Amino acid sequence: MLDVDPVAAEATRRKVYDMLVADRMLVQGFHYPFPAVGHVEKSGAGYREVLVNWSAAI
């Protein structure tokens, strides 16, 4: 509904994901399992999320 220009929407998403991959930034996802953070990495022609493992031992 909000992506009225699908080509621009894909380009913007790829730009953001490329930035997350390059800077190895932590991302938070509302629907991720606890602790709800992870990294994004390239996977073939797309991307995948690698969630941070939770450990009660610090």
PDB file of N, CA and C in Angstrom:
ATOM      1  N   MET A   1       0.814  -1.181   0.000  1.00  0.00           N
ATOM      2  CA  MET A   1       0.000   0.000   0.000  1.00  0.00           C
ATOM      3  C   MET A   1       0.867   1.259   0.000  1.00  0.00           C
ATOM      4  N   LEU A   2       1.941   1.262   0.762  1.00  0.00           N
ATOM      5  CA  LEU A   2       2.763   2.462   0.846  1.00  0.00           C
ATOM      6  C   LEU A   2       3.869   2.498  -0.202  1.00  0.00           C
ATOM      7  N   ASP A   3       4.232   1.344  -0.756  1.00  0.00           N
ATOM      8  CA  ASP A   3       5.273   1.294  -1.770  1.00  0.00           C
ATOM      9  C   ASP A   3       4.653   1.544  -3.142  1.00  0.00           C
ATOM     10  N   VAL A   4       4.460   2.810  -3.474  1.00  0.00           N
ATOM     11  CA  VAL A   4       3.815   3.138  -4.747  1.00  0.00           C
ATOM     12  C   VAL A   4       4.771   2.985  -5.920  1.00  0.00           C
ATOM     13  N   ASP A   5       6.086   2.988  -5.642  1.00  0.00           N
ATOM     14  CA  ASP A   5       7.089   2.785  -6.681  1.00  0.00           C
ATOM     15  C   ASP A   5       7.920   1.557  -6.286  1.00  0.00           C
ATOM     16  N   PRO A   6       7.536   0.372  -6.766  1.00  0.00           N
ATOM     17  CA  PRO A   6       8.198  -0.857  -6.327  1.00  0.00           C
ATOM     18  C   PRO A   6       9.699  -0.896  -6.618  1.00  0.00           C
ATOM     19  N   VAL A   7      10.131  -0.284  -7.705  1.00  0.00           N
ATOM     20  CA  VAL A   7      11.553  -0.277  -8.052  1.00  0.00           C
ATOM     21  C   VAL A   7      12.332   0.555  -7.029  1.00  0.00           C
ATOM     22  N   ALA A   8      11.819   1.725  -6.691  1.00  0.00           N
ATOM     23  CA  ALA A   8      12.470   2.574  -5.691  1.00  0.00           C
ATOM     24  C   ALA A   8      12.424   1.923  -4.306  1.00  0.00           C
ATOM     25  N   ALA A   9      11.332   1.252  -3.993  1.00  0.00           N
ATOM     26  CA  ALA A   9      11.203   0.586  -2.691  1.00  0.00           C
ATOM     27  C   ALA A   9      12.255  -0.510  -2.553  1.00  0.00           C
ATOM     28  N   GLU A  10      12.443  -1.315  -3.588  1.00  0.00           N
ATOM     29  CA  GLU A  10      13.459  -2.371  -3.535  1.00  0.00           C
ATOM     30  C   GLU A  10      14.858  -1.778  -3.428  1.00  0.00           C
ATOM     31  N   ALA A  11      15.128  -0.727  -4.186  1.00  0.00           N
ATOM     32  CA  ALA A  11      16.450  -0.091  -4.145  1.00  0.00           C
ATOM     33  C   ALA A  11      16.744   0.467  -2.756  1.00  0.00           C
ATOM     34  N   THR A  12      15.748   1.073  -2.128  1.00  0.00           N
ATOM     35  CA  THR A  12      15.927   1.622  -0.788  1.00  0.00           C
ATOM     36  C   THR A  12      16.182   0.510   0.219  1.00  0.00           C
ATOM     37  N   ARG A  13      15.432  -0.555   0.142  1.00  0.00           N
ATOM     38  CA  ARG A  13      15.631  -1.681   1.068  1.00  0.00           C
ATOM     39  C   ARG A  13      17.011  -2.297   0.896  1.00  0.00           C
ATOM     40  N   ARG A  14      17.443  -2.481  -0.352  1.00  0.00           N
ATOM     41  CA  ARG A  14      18.771  -3.047  -0.586  1.00  0.00           C
ATOM     42  C   ARG A  14      19.862  -2.113  -0.060  1.00  0.00           C
ATOM     43  N   LYS A  15      19.681  -0.821  -0.206  1.00  0.00           N
ATOM     44  CA  LYS A  15      20.659   0.149   0.305  1.00  0.00           C
ATOM     45  C   LYS A  15      20.766   0.041   1.828  1.00  0.00           C
ATOM     46  N   VAL A  16      19.637  -0.057   2.504  1.00  0.00           N
ATOM     47  CA  VAL A  16      19.629  -0.180   3.963  1.00  0.00           C
ATOM     48  C   VAL A  16      20.265  -1.498   4.387  1.00  0.00           C
ATOM     49  N   TYR A  17      19.882  -2.604   3.751  1.00  0.00           N
ATOM     50  CA  TYR A  17      20.459  -3.899   4.098  1.00  0.00           C
ATOM     51  C   TYR A  17      21.964  -3.928   3.825  1.00  0.00           C
ATOM     52  N   ASP A  18      22.417  -3.328   2.721  1.00  0.00           N
ATOM     53  CA  ASP A  18      23.854  -3.265   2.437  1.00  0.00           C
ATOM     54  C   ASP A  18      24.594  -2.492   3.534  1.00  0.00           C
ATOM     55  N   MET A  19      24.000  -1.415   4.033  1.00  0.00           N
ATOM     56  CA  MET A  19      24.599  -0.648   5.120  1.00  0.00           C
ATOM     57  C   MET A  19      24.674  -1.499   6.391  1.00  0.00           C
ATOM     58  N   LEU A  20      23.604  -2.234   6.695  1.00  0.00           N
ATOM     59  CA  LEU A  20      23.604  -3.094   7.881  1.00  0.00           C
ATOM     60  C   LEU A  20      24.679  -4.162   7.775  1.00  0.00           C
ATOM     61  N   VAL A  21      24.858  -4.744   6.586  1.00  0.00           N
ATOM     62  CA  VAL A  21      25.874  -5.772   6.376  1.00  0.00           C
ATOM     63  C   VAL A  21      27.273  -5.173   6.507  1.00  0.00           C
ATOM     64  N   ALA A  22      27.514  -4.046   5.844  1.00  0.00           N
ATOM     65  CA  ALA A  22      28.849  -3.432   5.834  1.00  0.00           C
ATOM     66  C   ALA A  22      29.298  -3.014   7.227  1.00  0.00           C
ATOM     67  N   ASP A  23      28.381  -2.463   8.021  1.00  0.00           N
ATOM     68  CA  ASP A  23      28.734  -1.964   9.355  1.00  0.00           C
ATOM     69  C   ASP A  23      28.513  -2.999  10.449  1.00  0.00           C
ATOM     70  N   ARG A  24      28.021  -4.184  10.064  1.00  0.00           N
ATOM     71  CA  ARG A  24      27.703  -5.259  11.017  1.00  0.00           C
ATOM     72  C   ARG A  24      26.917  -4.718  12.203  1.00  0.00           C
ATOM     73  N   MET A  25      25.899  -3.946  11.879  1.00  0.00           N
ATOM     74  CA  MET A  25      25.061  -3.322  12.900  1.00  0.00           C
ATOM     75  C   MET A  25      24.092  -4.334  13.491  1.00  0.00           C
ATOM     76  N   LEU A  26      23.835  -4.200  14.785  1.00  0.00           N
ATOM     77  CA  LEU A  26      22.797  -4.993  15.420  1.00  0.00           C
ATOM     78  C   LEU A  26      21.441  -4.439  15.007  1.00  0.00           C
ATOM     79  N   VAL A  27      20.517  -5.316  14.694  1.00  0.00           N
ATOM     80  CA  VAL A  27      19.156  -4.895  14.382  1.00  0.00           C
ATOM     81  C   VAL A  27      18.216  -5.557  15.370  1.00  0.00           C
ATOM     82  N   GLN A  28      17.150  -4.873  15.667  1.00  0.00           N
ATOM     83  CA  GLN A  28      16.144  -5.408  16.576  1.00  0.00           C
ATOM     84  C   GLN A  28      14.890  -5.697  15.779  1.00  0.00           C
ATOM     85  N   GLY A  29      14.313  -6.850  16.028  1.00  0.00           N
ATOM     86  CA  GLY A  29      13.095  -7.219  15.343  1.00  0.00           C
ATOM     87  C   GLY A  29      11.992  -7.509  16.338  1.00  0.00           C
ATOM     88  N   PHE A  30      10.870  -6.881  16.153  1.00  0.00           N
ATOM     89  CA  PHE A  30       9.750  -7.034  17.088  1.00  0.00           C
ATOM     90  C   PHE A  30       9.314  -8.488  17.207  1.00  0.00           C
ATOM     91  N   HIS A  31       9.371  -9.237  16.105  1.00  0.00           N
ATOM     92  CA  HIS A  31       8.907 -10.623  16.125  1.00  0.00           C
ATOM     93  C   HIS A  31      10.050 -11.638  16.219  1.00  0.00           C
ATOM     94  N   TYR A  32      11.254 -11.174  16.477  1.00  0.00           N
ATOM     95  CA  TYR A  32      12.376 -12.099  16.695  1.00  0.00           C
ATOM     96  C   TYR A  32      12.214 -12.750  18.055  1.00  0.00           C
ATOM     97  N   PRO A  33      12.736 -13.964  18.222  1.00  0.00           N
ATOM     98  CA  PRO A  33      12.721 -14.571  19.552  1.00  0.00           C
ATOM     99  C   PRO A  33      13.684 -13.825  20.485  1.00  0.00           C
ATOM    100  N   PHE A  34      13.459 -13.938  21.784  1.00  0.00           N
ATOM    101  CA  PHE A  34      14.287 -13.259  22.778  1.00  0.00           C
ATOM    102  C   PHE A  34      15.744 -13.607  22.542  1.00  0.00           C
ATOM    103  N   PRO A  35      16.658 -12.701  22.550  1.00  0.00           N
ATOM    104  CA  PRO A  35      16.633 -11.313  22.985  1.00  0.00           C
ATOM    105  C   PRO A  35      16.276 -10.318  21.884  1.00  0.00           C
ATOM    106  N   ALA A  36      15.793 -10.791  20.758  1.00  0.00           N
ATOM    107  CA  ALA A  36      15.236  -9.961  19.684  1.00  0.00           C
ATOM    108  C   ALA A  36      16.250  -9.075  18.979  1.00  0.00           C
ATOM    109  N   VAL A  37      17.510  -9.505  18.900  1.00  0.00           N
ATOM    110  CA  VAL A  37      18.523  -8.763  18.152  1.00  0.00           C
ATOM    111  C   VAL A  37      19.317  -9.731  17.285  1.00  0.00           C
ATOM    112  N   GLY A  38      19.925  -9.194  16.252  1.00  0.00           N
ATOM    113  CA  GLY A  38      20.740 -10.014  15.380  1.00  0.00           C
ATOM    114  C   GLY A  38      21.490  -9.160  14.375  1.00  0.00           C
ATOM    115  N   HIS A  39      22.143  -9.816  13.444  1.00  0.00           N
ATOM    116  CA  HIS A  39      22.878  -9.158  12.372  1.00  0.00           C
ATOM    117  C   HIS A  39      22.278  -9.588  11.047  1.00  0.00           C
ATOM    118  N   VAL A  40      22.548  -8.813  10.012  1.00  0.00           N
ATOM    119  CA  VAL A  40      22.117  -9.157   8.661  1.00  0.00           C
ATOM    120  C   VAL A  40      23.368  -9.510   7.869  1.00  0.00           C
ATOM    121  N   GLU A  41      23.291 -10.567   7.058  1.00  0.00           N
ATOM    122  CA  GLU A  41      24.409 -10.912   6.192  1.00  0.00           C
ATOM    123  C   GLU A  41      23.884 -11.239   4.803  1.00  0.00           C
ATOM    124  N   LYS A  42      24.755 -11.105   3.801  1.00  0.00           N
ATOM    125  CA  LYS A  42      24.383 -11.432   2.425  1.00  0.00           C
ATOM    126  C   LYS A  42      24.198 -12.934   2.305  1.00  0.00           C
ATOM    127  N   SER A  43      23.243 -13.333   1.501  1.00  0.00           N
ATOM    128  CA  SER A  43      22.979 -14.745   1.254  1.00  0.00           C
ATOM    129  C   SER A  43      22.507 -14.884  -0.192  1.00  0.00           C
ATOM    130  N   GLY A  44      23.410 -15.294  -1.053  1.00  0.00           N
ATOM    131  CA  GLY A  44      23.066 -15.393  -2.476  1.00  0.00           C
ATOM    132  C   GLY A  44      22.719 -14.032  -3.043  1.00  0.00           C
ATOM    133  N   ALA A  45      21.546 -13.919  -3.648  1.00  0.00           N
ATOM    134  CA  ALA A  45      21.113 -12.639  -4.207  1.00  0.00           C
ATOM    135  C   ALA A  45      20.339 -11.804  -3.190  1.00  0.00           C
ATOM    136  N   GLY A  46      20.190 -12.327  -1.958  1.00  0.00           N
ATOM    137  CA  GLY A  46      19.412 -11.613  -0.952  1.00  0.00           C
ATOM    138  C   GLY A  46      20.183 -11.467   0.348  1.00  0.00           C
ATOM    139  N   TYR A  47      19.444 -11.488   1.432  1.00  0.00           N
ATOM    140  CA  TYR A  47      20.001 -11.285   2.764  1.00  0.00           C
ATOM    141  C   TYR A  47      19.361 -12.268   3.729  1.00  0.00           C
ATOM    142  N   ARG A  48      20.033 -12.497   4.859  1.00  0.00           N
ATOM    143  CA  ARG A  48      19.427 -13.322   5.892  1.00  0.00           C
ATOM    144  C   ARG A  48      19.776 -12.733   7.245  1.00  0.00           C
ATOM    145  N   GLU A  49      18.932 -13.001   8.198  1.00  0.00           N
ATOM    146  CA  GLU A  49      19.142 -12.508   9.552  1.00  0.00           C
ATOM    147  C   GLU A  49      19.800 -13.599  10.366  1.00  0.00           C
ATOM    148  N   VAL A  50      20.823 -13.229  11.114  1.00  0.00           N
ATOM    149  CA  VAL A  50      21.506 -14.152  12.013  1.00  0.00           C
ATOM    150  C   VAL A  50      21.237 -13.644  13.421  1.00  0.00           C
ATOM    151  N   LEU A  51      20.383 -14.350  14.132  1.00  0.00           N
ATOM    152  CA  LEU A  51      19.973 -13.888  15.451  1.00  0.00           C
ATOM    153  C   LEU A  51      21.049 -14.157  16.491  1.00  0.00           C
ATOM    154  N   VAL A  52      21.144 -13.277  17.488  1.00  0.00           N
ATOM    155  CA  VAL A  52      22.090 -13.427  18.580  1.00  0.00           C
ATOM    156  C   VAL A  52      21.563 -14.502  19.512  1.00  0.00           C
ATOM    157  N   ASN A  53      22.432 -15.442  19.882  1.00  0.00           N
ATOM    158  CA  ASN A  53      22.040 -16.489  20.814  1.00  0.00           C
ATOM    159  C   ASN A  53      21.941 -15.916  22.217  1.00  0.00           C
ATOM    160  N   TRP A  54      20.961 -16.374  22.959  1.00  0.00           N
ATOM    161  CA  TRP A  54      20.747 -15.911  24.320  1.00  0.00           C
ATOM    162  C   TRP A  54      21.436 -16.859  25.288  1.00  0.00           C
ATOM    163  N   SER A  55      22.104 -16.285  26.264  1.00  0.00           N
ATOM    164  CA  SER A  55      22.725 -17.072  27.312  1.00  0.00           C
ATOM    165  C   SER A  55      22.514 -16.332  28.622  1.00  0.00           C
ATOM    166  N   ALA A  56      22.010 -17.020  29.633  1.00  0.00           N
ATOM    167  CA  ALA A  56      21.799 -16.402  30.943  1.00  0.00           C
ATOM    168  C   ALA A  56      23.129 -16.166  31.660  1.00  0.00           C
ATOM    169  N   ALA A  57      24.178 -16.881  31.249  1.00  0.00           N
ATOM    170  CA  ALA A  57      25.493 -16.703  31.854  1.00  0.00           C
ATOM    171  C   ALA A  57      26.191 -15.524  31.184  1.00  0.00           C
ATOM    172  N   ILE A  58      26.578 -14.571  31.963  1.00  0.00           N
ATOM    173  CA  ILE A  58      27.277 -13.393  31.400  1.00  0.00           C
ATOM    174  C   ILE A  58      28.737 -13.472  31.731  1.00  0.00           C
TER     175      ILE A  58
END
